[in-house]
């Protein structure tokens, strides 16, 4: 009986350590957030796996909003918040002359 109790206690300690390791590992993998105007949804991914999805309301959905990718890189030293990185791309409103190829005349927009 004592051996069974010792085994159960050891198994509980092992499970707690495994859960702690998973929590630490999850804090080391970046989180990406995507809001899709087309689907009107917010997607949260971690390690290329979707972990959350929710509907969103976009104010003035007919206006271009550009593309911005937010990535949570790491926790602050006190674990109270996150350091974020943002990458934004916005379409140009009007074509501008491309001095090298004359792209404006051909109807092409310059690339970012």
N, C-alpha and C. Protein backbone atom coordinates (compact mmCIF):
# COMPACT_ATOMS: atom_id res chain seq x y z
N UNK A 1 0.82 -1.19 0.00
CA UNK A 1 0.00 0.00 0.00
C UNK A 1 0.87 1.26 0.00
N UNK A 2 1.94 1.23 0.75
CA UNK A 2 2.85 2.38 0.82
C UNK A 2 3.50 2.63 -0.54
N UNK A 3 3.81 1.55 -1.27
CA UNK A 3 4.43 1.69 -2.58
C UNK A 3 3.45 2.34 -3.56
N UNK A 4 2.18 1.97 -3.48
CA UNK A 4 1.17 2.59 -4.35
C UNK A 4 1.03 4.07 -4.06
N UNK A 5 1.01 4.44 -2.81
CA UNK A 5 0.89 5.85 -2.44
C UNK A 5 2.12 6.64 -2.90
N UNK A 6 3.29 6.04 -2.77
CA UNK A 6 4.52 6.69 -3.21
C UNK A 6 4.50 6.86 -4.73
N UNK A 7 4.00 5.83 -5.44
CA UNK A 7 3.90 5.92 -6.89
C UNK A 7 2.94 7.04 -7.30
N UNK A 8 1.78 7.11 -6.65
CA UNK A 8 0.80 8.16 -6.96
C UNK A 8 1.37 9.55 -6.69
N UNK A 9 2.10 9.69 -5.62
CA UNK A 9 2.72 10.99 -5.30
C UNK A 9 3.78 11.35 -6.34
N UNK A 10 4.59 10.37 -6.73
CA UNK A 10 5.62 10.61 -7.73
C UNK A 10 4.99 10.95 -9.08
N UNK A 11 3.91 10.28 -9.43
CA UNK A 11 3.21 10.55 -10.69
C UNK A 11 2.62 11.96 -10.68
N UNK A 12 2.09 12.42 -9.57
CA UNK A 12 1.54 13.78 -9.46
C UNK A 12 2.66 14.81 -9.63
N UNK A 13 3.82 14.55 -9.05
CA UNK A 13 4.97 15.46 -9.19
C UNK A 13 5.43 15.49 -10.65
N UNK A 14 5.47 14.31 -11.30
CA UNK A 14 5.87 14.25 -12.70
C UNK A 14 4.90 15.04 -13.58
N UNK A 15 3.60 14.89 -13.37
CA UNK A 15 2.60 15.61 -14.17
C UNK A 15 2.73 17.12 -13.95
N UNK A 16 2.95 17.54 -12.71
CA UNK A 16 3.12 18.97 -12.43
C UNK A 16 4.36 19.52 -13.13
N UNK A 17 5.45 18.77 -13.10
CA UNK A 17 6.68 19.21 -13.77
C UNK A 17 6.47 19.26 -15.28
N UNK A 18 5.75 18.31 -15.84
CA UNK A 18 5.47 18.30 -17.27
C UNK A 18 4.63 19.52 -17.66
N UNK A 19 3.63 19.84 -16.85
CA UNK A 19 2.80 21.03 -17.12
C UNK A 19 3.60 22.31 -17.02
N UNK A 20 4.49 22.40 -16.03
CA UNK A 20 5.36 23.58 -15.90
C UNK A 20 6.27 23.71 -17.11
N UNK A 21 6.80 22.60 -17.60
CA UNK A 21 7.69 22.63 -18.77
C UNK A 21 6.92 23.09 -20.01
N UNK A 22 5.68 22.63 -20.17
CA UNK A 22 4.86 23.06 -21.30
C UNK A 22 4.58 24.55 -21.23
N UNK A 23 4.32 25.07 -20.04
CA UNK A 23 4.06 26.50 -19.88
C UNK A 23 5.30 27.31 -20.25
N UNK A 24 6.46 26.91 -19.79
CA UNK A 24 7.70 27.61 -20.11
C UNK A 24 7.96 27.54 -21.62
N UNK A 25 7.76 26.38 -22.21
CA UNK A 25 7.97 26.22 -23.65
C UNK A 25 7.01 27.11 -24.44
N UNK A 26 5.77 27.22 -24.01
CA UNK A 26 4.80 28.05 -24.73
C UNK A 26 5.17 29.53 -24.67
N UNK A 27 5.85 29.93 -23.63
CA UNK A 27 6.27 31.33 -23.52
C UNK A 27 7.48 31.64 -24.39
N UNK A 28 8.14 30.62 -24.92
CA UNK A 28 9.33 30.83 -25.73
C UNK A 28 9.02 30.86 -27.23
N UNK A 29 7.80 30.49 -27.62
CA UNK A 29 7.43 30.42 -29.03
C UNK A 29 6.61 31.66 -29.38
N UNK A 30 6.99 32.39 -30.45
CA UNK A 30 6.26 33.61 -30.82
C UNK A 30 4.78 33.36 -31.12
N UNK A 31 3.98 34.38 -30.87
CA UNK A 31 2.55 34.36 -31.16
C UNK A 31 2.29 35.36 -32.27
N UNK A 32 1.52 34.97 -33.28
CA UNK A 32 1.16 35.87 -34.37
C UNK A 32 -0.33 36.11 -34.35
N UNK A 33 -0.72 37.36 -34.65
CA UNK A 33 -2.12 37.76 -34.65
C UNK A 33 -2.46 38.29 -36.04
N UNK A 34 -3.52 37.79 -36.63
CA UNK A 34 -3.96 38.23 -37.95
C UNK A 34 -5.44 38.58 -37.88
N UNK A 35 -5.80 39.75 -38.41
CA UNK A 35 -7.19 40.13 -38.56
C UNK A 35 -7.48 40.17 -40.06
N UNK A 36 -8.44 39.38 -40.49
CA UNK A 36 -8.78 39.31 -41.90
C UNK A 36 -10.02 40.14 -42.18
N UNK A 37 -9.86 41.12 -43.07
CA UNK A 37 -11.02 41.92 -43.47
C UNK A 37 -11.97 41.06 -44.29
N UNK A 38 -11.42 40.17 -45.09
CA UNK A 38 -12.24 39.34 -45.96
C UNK A 38 -13.16 38.41 -45.15
N UNK A 39 -12.60 37.73 -44.16
CA UNK A 39 -13.39 36.78 -43.37
C UNK A 39 -13.99 37.41 -42.12
N UNK A 40 -13.57 38.64 -41.79
CA UNK A 40 -14.02 39.35 -40.58
C UNK A 40 -13.78 38.51 -39.33
N UNK A 41 -12.53 38.01 -39.26
CA UNK A 41 -12.15 37.18 -38.12
C UNK A 41 -10.74 37.54 -37.66
N UNK A 42 -10.48 37.28 -36.40
CA UNK A 42 -9.16 37.44 -35.79
C UNK A 42 -8.61 36.03 -35.58
N UNK A 43 -7.35 35.82 -35.97
CA UNK A 43 -6.69 34.53 -35.82
C UNK A 43 -5.43 34.72 -34.98
N UNK A 44 -5.23 33.83 -34.02
CA UNK A 44 -4.02 33.84 -33.20
C UNK A 44 -3.34 32.48 -33.42
N UNK A 45 -2.05 32.54 -33.80
CA UNK A 45 -1.29 31.32 -34.05
C UNK A 45 -0.02 31.31 -33.21
N UNK A 46 0.38 30.12 -32.83
CA UNK A 46 1.64 29.95 -32.12
C UNK A 46 2.29 28.69 -32.67
N UNK A 47 3.55 28.81 -33.05
CA UNK A 47 4.30 27.70 -33.64
C UNK A 47 3.55 27.15 -34.85
N UNK A 48 3.03 28.05 -35.68
CA UNK A 48 2.32 27.71 -36.91
C UNK A 48 1.04 26.90 -36.66
N UNK A 49 0.52 26.94 -35.44
CA UNK A 49 -0.72 26.26 -35.10
C UNK A 49 -1.73 27.30 -34.62
N UNK A 50 -2.95 27.23 -35.12
CA UNK A 50 -3.98 28.17 -34.67
C UNK A 50 -4.38 27.82 -33.24
N UNK A 51 -4.35 28.84 -32.36
CA UNK A 51 -4.72 28.61 -30.96
C UNK A 51 -5.98 29.37 -30.56
N UNK A 52 -6.41 30.33 -31.40
CA UNK A 52 -7.61 31.11 -31.08
C UNK A 52 -8.15 31.72 -32.36
N UNK A 53 -9.48 31.84 -32.42
CA UNK A 53 -10.15 32.48 -33.55
C UNK A 53 -11.41 33.14 -33.01
N UNK A 54 -11.71 34.33 -33.55
CA UNK A 54 -12.87 35.07 -33.07
C UNK A 54 -13.39 35.99 -34.16
N UNK A 55 -14.70 36.24 -34.20
CA UNK A 55 -15.21 37.23 -35.15
C UNK A 55 -14.81 38.64 -34.72
N UNK A 56 -14.67 39.54 -35.70
CA UNK A 56 -14.36 40.94 -35.41
C UNK A 56 -15.27 41.83 -36.24
N UNK A 57 -15.44 43.05 -35.77
CA UNK A 57 -16.16 44.07 -36.52
C UNK A 57 -15.15 45.09 -36.99
N UNK A 58 -15.14 45.36 -38.28
CA UNK A 58 -14.19 46.31 -38.85
C UNK A 58 -14.94 47.57 -39.22
N UNK A 59 -14.54 48.67 -38.60
CA UNK A 59 -15.15 49.95 -38.90
C UNK A 59 -14.74 50.38 -40.31
N UNK A 60 -15.68 50.81 -41.11
CA UNK A 60 -15.44 51.22 -42.50
C UNK A 60 -14.74 50.12 -43.31
N UNK A 61 -15.36 48.94 -43.43
CA UNK A 61 -14.68 47.83 -44.10
C UNK A 61 -14.41 48.08 -45.58
N UNK A 62 -15.04 49.09 -46.17
CA UNK A 62 -14.81 49.37 -47.58
C UNK A 62 -13.51 50.13 -47.81
N UNK A 63 -12.94 50.72 -46.77
CA UNK A 63 -11.69 51.47 -46.91
C UNK A 63 -10.49 50.54 -46.78
N UNK A 64 -9.44 50.76 -47.57
CA UNK A 64 -8.24 49.93 -47.43
C UNK A 64 -7.60 50.13 -46.06
N UNK A 65 -7.20 49.06 -45.45
CA UNK A 65 -6.58 49.16 -44.12
C UNK A 65 -5.13 48.73 -44.13
N UNK A 66 -4.64 48.28 -45.27
CA UNK A 66 -3.26 47.82 -45.32
C UNK A 66 -3.14 46.45 -44.69
N UNK A 67 -1.93 46.01 -44.55
CA UNK A 67 -1.65 44.71 -43.95
C UNK A 67 -0.65 44.92 -42.83
N UNK A 68 -0.99 44.46 -41.64
CA UNK A 68 -0.08 44.56 -40.50
C UNK A 68 -0.03 43.21 -39.81
N UNK A 69 1.16 42.71 -39.58
CA UNK A 69 1.36 41.46 -38.86
C UNK A 69 1.97 41.80 -37.51
N UNK A 70 1.30 41.40 -36.44
CA UNK A 70 1.80 41.60 -35.09
C UNK A 70 2.33 40.27 -34.57
N UNK A 71 3.52 40.28 -33.99
CA UNK A 71 4.10 39.08 -33.43
C UNK A 71 4.57 39.36 -32.01
N UNK A 72 4.07 38.56 -31.07
CA UNK A 72 4.54 38.65 -29.69
C UNK A 72 5.86 37.88 -29.62
N UNK A 73 6.93 38.59 -29.29
CA UNK A 73 8.25 37.98 -29.34
C UNK A 73 8.67 37.31 -28.04
N UNK A 74 8.42 38.00 -26.94
CA UNK A 74 8.81 37.43 -25.65
C UNK A 74 8.12 38.21 -24.53
N UNK A 75 8.12 37.63 -23.37
CA UNK A 75 7.55 38.30 -22.21
C UNK A 75 8.53 39.32 -21.65
N UNK A 76 8.00 40.32 -20.98
CA UNK A 76 8.86 41.27 -20.29
C UNK A 76 9.51 40.54 -19.11
N UNK A 77 10.58 41.10 -18.54
CA UNK A 77 11.27 40.39 -17.45
C UNK A 77 10.36 40.01 -16.28
N UNK A 78 9.33 40.82 -16.02
CA UNK A 78 8.44 40.48 -14.89
C UNK A 78 7.23 39.65 -15.32
N UNK A 79 7.19 39.18 -16.57
CA UNK A 79 6.10 38.36 -17.12
C UNK A 79 4.74 39.04 -17.09
N UNK A 80 4.71 40.37 -16.97
CA UNK A 80 3.43 41.07 -16.89
C UNK A 80 2.89 41.49 -18.25
N UNK A 81 3.74 41.56 -19.26
CA UNK A 81 3.29 41.92 -20.60
C UNK A 81 4.26 41.35 -21.63
N UNK A 82 4.05 41.73 -22.89
CA UNK A 82 4.83 41.15 -23.98
C UNK A 82 5.57 42.23 -24.76
N UNK A 83 6.68 41.84 -25.37
CA UNK A 83 7.36 42.67 -26.36
C UNK A 83 6.76 42.28 -27.71
N UNK A 84 6.31 43.27 -28.50
CA UNK A 84 5.66 43.02 -29.78
C UNK A 84 6.49 43.57 -30.92
N UNK A 85 6.37 42.92 -32.05
CA UNK A 85 6.94 43.41 -33.29
C UNK A 85 5.78 43.57 -34.27
N UNK A 86 5.80 44.64 -35.08
CA UNK A 86 4.75 44.85 -36.07
C UNK A 86 5.37 45.12 -37.42
N UNK A 87 4.83 44.49 -38.43
CA UNK A 87 5.25 44.71 -39.80
C UNK A 87 4.02 45.20 -40.56
N UNK A 88 4.09 46.43 -41.11
CA UNK A 88 2.94 47.01 -41.79
C UNK A 88 3.26 47.27 -43.25
N UNK A 89 2.29 46.99 -44.09
CA UNK A 89 2.39 47.28 -45.53
C UNK A 89 1.08 47.95 -45.94
N UNK A 90 1.20 49.06 -46.64
CA UNK A 90 0.03 49.79 -47.07
C UNK A 90 0.06 49.98 -48.58
N UNK A 91 -1.10 49.79 -49.23
CA UNK A 91 -1.11 50.03 -50.67
C UNK A 91 -0.99 51.52 -50.96
N UNK A 92 -0.36 51.85 -52.08
CA UNK A 92 -0.27 53.25 -52.47
C UNK A 92 -1.61 53.65 -53.06
N UNK A 93 -2.03 54.89 -52.79
CA UNK A 93 -3.33 55.33 -53.27
C UNK A 93 -3.33 55.67 -54.75
N UNK A 94 -2.21 56.12 -55.28
CA UNK A 94 -2.13 56.46 -56.69
C UNK A 94 -0.82 55.92 -57.25
N UNK A 95 -0.82 55.52 -58.51
CA UNK A 95 0.45 55.09 -59.11
C UNK A 95 1.41 56.27 -59.19
N UNK A 96 2.66 56.00 -58.96
CA UNK A 96 3.68 57.04 -59.11
C UNK A 96 4.63 56.62 -60.21
N UNK A 97 5.21 57.57 -60.92
CA UNK A 97 6.11 57.19 -62.01
C UNK A 97 7.30 56.40 -61.50
N UNK A 98 7.60 55.35 -62.18
CA UNK A 98 8.79 54.56 -61.88
C UNK A 98 9.86 55.02 -62.86
N UNK A 99 10.87 55.67 -62.36
CA UNK A 99 11.88 56.29 -63.23
C UNK A 99 12.66 55.27 -64.03
N UNK A 100 12.73 54.04 -63.56
CA UNK A 100 13.51 53.04 -64.27
C UNK A 100 12.73 52.37 -65.39
N UNK A 101 11.41 52.12 -65.20
CA UNK A 101 10.73 51.31 -66.20
C UNK A 101 9.47 51.93 -66.78
N UNK A 102 9.08 53.11 -66.29
CA UNK A 102 7.85 53.71 -66.80
C UNK A 102 6.62 52.92 -66.40
N UNK A 103 6.63 52.32 -65.20
CA UNK A 103 5.52 51.47 -64.76
C UNK A 103 4.21 52.24 -64.66
N UNK A 104 4.25 53.54 -64.35
CA UNK A 104 3.01 54.30 -64.24
C UNK A 104 2.27 54.32 -65.57
N UNK A 105 3.01 54.42 -66.65
CA UNK A 105 2.36 54.44 -67.96
C UNK A 105 1.71 53.10 -68.28
N UNK A 106 2.27 52.01 -67.78
CA UNK A 106 1.71 50.71 -68.08
C UNK A 106 0.60 50.32 -67.11
N UNK A 107 0.30 51.18 -66.13
CA UNK A 107 -0.78 50.90 -65.18
C UNK A 107 -0.35 50.09 -63.99
N UNK A 108 0.94 49.86 -63.81
CA UNK A 108 1.43 49.08 -62.67
C UNK A 108 1.77 50.00 -61.51
N UNK A 109 1.51 49.51 -60.29
CA UNK A 109 1.91 50.26 -59.10
C UNK A 109 3.32 49.89 -58.71
N UNK A 110 4.01 50.83 -58.12
CA UNK A 110 5.34 50.51 -57.58
C UNK A 110 5.20 49.58 -56.41
N UNK A 111 6.18 48.73 -56.22
CA UNK A 111 6.15 47.83 -55.08
C UNK A 111 6.79 48.51 -53.88
N UNK A 112 6.37 48.05 -52.70
CA UNK A 112 6.92 48.61 -51.45
C UNK A 112 8.39 48.29 -51.32
